[in-house]
Amino acid sequence: MSSEDALRDLLLAILLLSEEGIERERLHTLLAEEHPQWQTALDALCADGWGPLAIVEQEGRYQARLRTSYLHLLDDLQLEKPRPLRKAVLETLAIIAYQQPITRPEIEHWRGVALASGVMQQLQELGWIEVKGHRDGPGRPALWGTTEAFLRHFGLPSLAALPPMVSAREAEDA
């Protein structure tokens, strides 16, 4: 095994074991002394991936992920199929993602209907939303926003990578 292959394998092992991802500075601390060319190897992995793995950088952290073209295999491996999300949950998540930070009454205004109690709870249980603060004003309502788990689940490096919003009229015309 060449030293380049050994370094690539070492980087892949670190990335796979770093559940929340790992920062470049931490990689430097771990690798720079014995592998001064580690940054070149990381950049090559980010550009090309390796086998079924893609290396992504998200909010300054690097992670190894399964390429999207292989995600269909996960369905066959799951013992329990995830339950599909209701339309209300998906609509609420989209509103939070695009309008955050946002209060519950603002979400209801955007949707045009009152939120069922389980919608926000389900999104919290999935780890996709959390309270980001409180608005100054009567009752100090919670301000909701998405989490890093939301970004990871949907394969987004940041909120800036969300697709542009499309109006209902534009969607009908498409």
Protein backbone atom coordinates (compact mmCIF):
# COMPACT_ATOMS: atom_id res chain seq x y z
CA MET A 1 0.00 0.00 0.00
CA SER A 2 1.41 3.37 -1.01
CA SER A 3 1.76 6.16 1.53
CA GLU A 4 -0.91 8.13 -0.39
CA ASP A 5 -3.34 5.21 -0.07
CA ALA A 6 -2.51 4.83 3.63
CA LEU A 7 -3.12 8.55 4.24
CA ARG A 8 -6.41 8.43 2.29
CA ASP A 9 -7.53 5.42 4.33
CA LEU A 10 -6.54 7.18 7.57
CA LEU A 11 -8.50 10.28 6.58
CA LEU A 12 -11.52 8.18 5.64
CA ALA A 13 -11.38 6.34 8.97
CA ILE A 14 -11.27 9.63 10.89
CA LEU A 15 -14.13 11.09 8.84
CA LEU A 16 -16.28 7.98 9.29
CA LEU A 17 -15.67 7.91 13.04
CA SER A 18 -16.42 11.62 13.48
CA GLU A 19 -20.19 11.44 13.81
CA GLU A 20 -20.64 15.23 13.94
CA GLY A 21 -17.85 15.88 11.45
CA ILE A 22 -14.37 17.18 12.16
CA GLU A 23 -12.83 20.61 11.67
CA ARG A 24 -9.77 21.21 9.51
CA GLU A 25 -7.88 22.55 12.54
CA ARG A 26 -8.48 19.30 14.44
CA LEU A 27 -7.30 17.28 11.43
CA HIS A 28 -4.18 19.44 11.34
CA THR A 29 -3.50 18.67 15.01
CA LEU A 30 -3.99 14.94 14.43
CA LEU A 31 -2.10 14.56 11.15
CA ALA A 32 0.30 17.39 10.34
CA GLU A 33 3.35 16.04 12.16
CA GLU A 34 3.37 12.59 10.56
CA HIS A 35 1.53 13.44 7.33
CA PRO A 36 2.41 16.98 6.17
CA GLN A 37 0.53 16.38 2.87
CA TRP A 38 -2.78 15.61 4.64
CA GLN A 39 -4.48 18.76 3.30
CA THR A 40 -3.78 17.77 -0.31
CA ALA A 41 -5.22 14.31 0.38
CA LEU A 42 -8.32 15.83 2.03
CA ASP A 43 -8.87 18.20 -0.90
CA ALA A 44 -8.61 15.27 -3.33
CA LEU A 45 -11.15 13.29 -1.30
CA CYS A 46 -13.50 16.28 -1.24
CA ALA A 47 -13.22 16.64 -5.01
CA ASP A 48 -13.51 12.97 -5.96
CA GLY A 49 -14.83 11.08 -2.95
CA TRP A 50 -13.90 7.44 -2.66
CA GLY A 51 -16.04 4.58 -3.88
CA PRO A 52 -19.56 5.04 -2.55
CA LEU A 53 -18.45 7.84 -0.21
CA ALA A 54 -18.59 11.57 -0.79
CA ILE A 55 -16.66 13.90 1.50
CA VAL A 56 -18.61 17.03 2.30
CA GLU A 57 -17.79 20.18 4.21
CA GLN A 58 -20.63 21.62 6.25
CA GLU A 59 -20.26 24.62 8.52
CA GLY A 60 -16.50 24.10 8.75
CA ARG A 61 -16.70 20.37 9.50
CA TYR A 62 -15.83 17.52 7.15
CA GLN A 63 -17.85 14.32 6.99
CA ALA A 64 -17.90 11.14 4.95
CA ARG A 65 -21.38 10.40 3.61
CA LEU A 66 -22.89 7.85 1.31
CA ARG A 67 -23.28 9.25 -2.19
CA THR A 68 -26.90 10.04 -2.98
CA SER A 69 -26.89 7.51 -5.81
CA TYR A 70 -26.59 4.76 -3.15
CA LEU A 71 -29.27 6.01 -0.78
CA HIS A 72 -31.88 3.72 -2.32
CA LEU A 73 -30.00 0.79 -0.75
CA LEU A 74 -30.86 2.07 2.71
CA ASP A 75 -34.51 1.20 2.13
CA ASP A 76 -33.58 -2.45 1.74
CA LEU A 77 -31.47 -2.42 4.91
CA GLN A 78 -33.97 -0.80 7.25
CA LEU A 79 -35.86 -3.23 9.42
CA GLU A 80 -38.56 -0.70 10.16
CA LYS A 81 -39.62 1.66 7.43
CA PRO A 82 -39.83 5.28 8.54
CA ARG A 83 -43.35 6.58 8.57
CA PRO A 84 -44.01 9.16 5.88
CA LEU A 85 -44.30 12.73 7.07
CA ARG A 86 -47.71 14.34 6.89
CA LYS A 87 -48.26 17.31 4.62
CA ALA A 88 -48.68 19.62 7.64
CA VAL A 89 -45.28 18.56 9.00
CA LEU A 90 -43.54 19.12 5.66
CA GLU A 91 -45.21 22.50 5.16
CA THR A 92 -44.24 23.60 8.66
CA LEU A 93 -40.66 22.46 8.19
CA ALA A 94 -40.41 24.36 4.90
CA ILE A 95 -41.78 27.54 6.48
CA ILE A 96 -39.33 27.29 9.37
CA ALA A 97 -36.40 26.58 7.04
CA TYR A 98 -37.10 29.56 4.80
CA GLN A 99 -38.43 32.08 7.34
CA GLN A 100 -36.35 31.36 10.46
CA PRO A 101 -36.23 32.49 13.12
CA ILE A 102 -40.01 32.36 13.29
CA THR A 103 -42.69 32.12 15.99
CA ARG A 104 -45.54 29.63 16.08
CA PRO A 105 -48.18 32.33 15.33
CA GLU A 106 -46.11 33.41 12.31
CA ILE A 107 -45.96 29.80 11.10
CA GLU A 108 -49.74 29.58 11.45
CA HIS A 109 -50.09 32.84 9.51
CA TRP A 110 -47.93 31.49 6.66
CA ARG A 111 -49.86 28.19 6.57
CA GLY A 112 -53.25 29.86 6.97
CA VAL A 113 -54.36 27.31 9.58
CA ALA A 114 -53.68 26.55 13.23
CA LEU A 115 -50.87 24.09 13.93
CA ALA A 116 -51.84 20.74 15.39
CA SER A 117 -49.97 20.11 18.64
CA GLY A 118 -48.03 17.13 17.29
CA VAL A 119 -46.47 18.91 14.30
CA MET A 120 -43.82 20.87 16.19
CA GLN A 121 -43.25 17.94 18.54
CA GLN A 122 -42.58 15.56 15.65
CA LEU A 123 -40.09 17.98 14.09
CA GLN A 124 -38.35 18.34 17.44
CA GLU A 125 -38.22 14.55 17.92
CA LEU A 126 -36.61 14.23 14.51
CA GLY A 127 -34.05 16.78 15.69
CA TRP A 128 -34.76 19.07 12.74
CA ILE A 129 -35.96 22.16 14.64
CA GLU A 130 -35.17 23.82 17.94
CA VAL A 131 -35.84 27.02 19.86
CA LYS A 132 -33.24 29.58 18.80
CA GLY A 133 -34.35 32.31 21.22
CA HIS A 134 -37.38 34.34 22.21
CA ARG A 135 -38.95 37.39 20.62
CA ASP A 136 -39.22 40.50 22.76
CA GLY A 137 -42.86 41.23 23.34
CA PRO A 138 -45.92 39.90 25.13
CA GLY A 139 -45.41 36.34 26.23
CA ARG A 140 -41.87 36.26 24.73
CA PRO A 141 -42.80 33.64 22.08
CA ALA A 142 -40.20 31.07 21.10
CA LEU A 143 -38.28 31.64 17.88
CA TRP A 144 -37.90 28.40 15.93
CA GLY A 145 -35.14 27.47 13.52
CA THR A 146 -33.62 24.42 11.90
CA THR A 147 -30.71 22.41 13.27
CA GLU A 148 -27.49 20.91 11.94
CA ALA A 149 -29.33 17.56 11.92
CA PHE A 150 -31.81 19.10 9.44
CA LEU A 151 -28.93 20.17 7.19
CA ARG A 152 -27.28 16.74 7.43
CA HIS A 153 -30.52 14.86 6.75
CA PHE A 154 -31.26 16.86 3.61
CA GLY A 155 -27.63 16.95 2.46
CA LEU A 156 -27.27 20.73 2.71
CA PRO A 157 -23.94 22.38 3.52
CA SER A 158 -25.81 25.44 4.85
CA LEU A 159 -29.19 27.17 4.68
CA ALA A 160 -27.90 29.17 1.72
CA ALA A 161 -28.03 25.92 -0.27
CA LEU A 162 -31.83 25.64 0.08
CA PRO A 163 -33.45 25.75 -3.35
CA PRO A 164 -35.05 29.08 -4.21
CA MET A 165 -38.65 29.50 -3.10
CA VAL A 166 -41.23 29.09 -5.83
CA SER A 167 -44.68 30.63 -5.64
CA ALA A 168 -47.74 28.41 -5.99
CA ARG A 169 -48.48 30.01 -9.37
CA GLU A 170 -44.93 29.30 -10.61
CA ALA A 171 -45.22 25.70 -9.39
CA GLU A 172 -48.51 25.23 -11.26
CA ASP A 173 -47.01 26.66 -14.45
CA ALA A 174 -43.97 24.34 -14.26
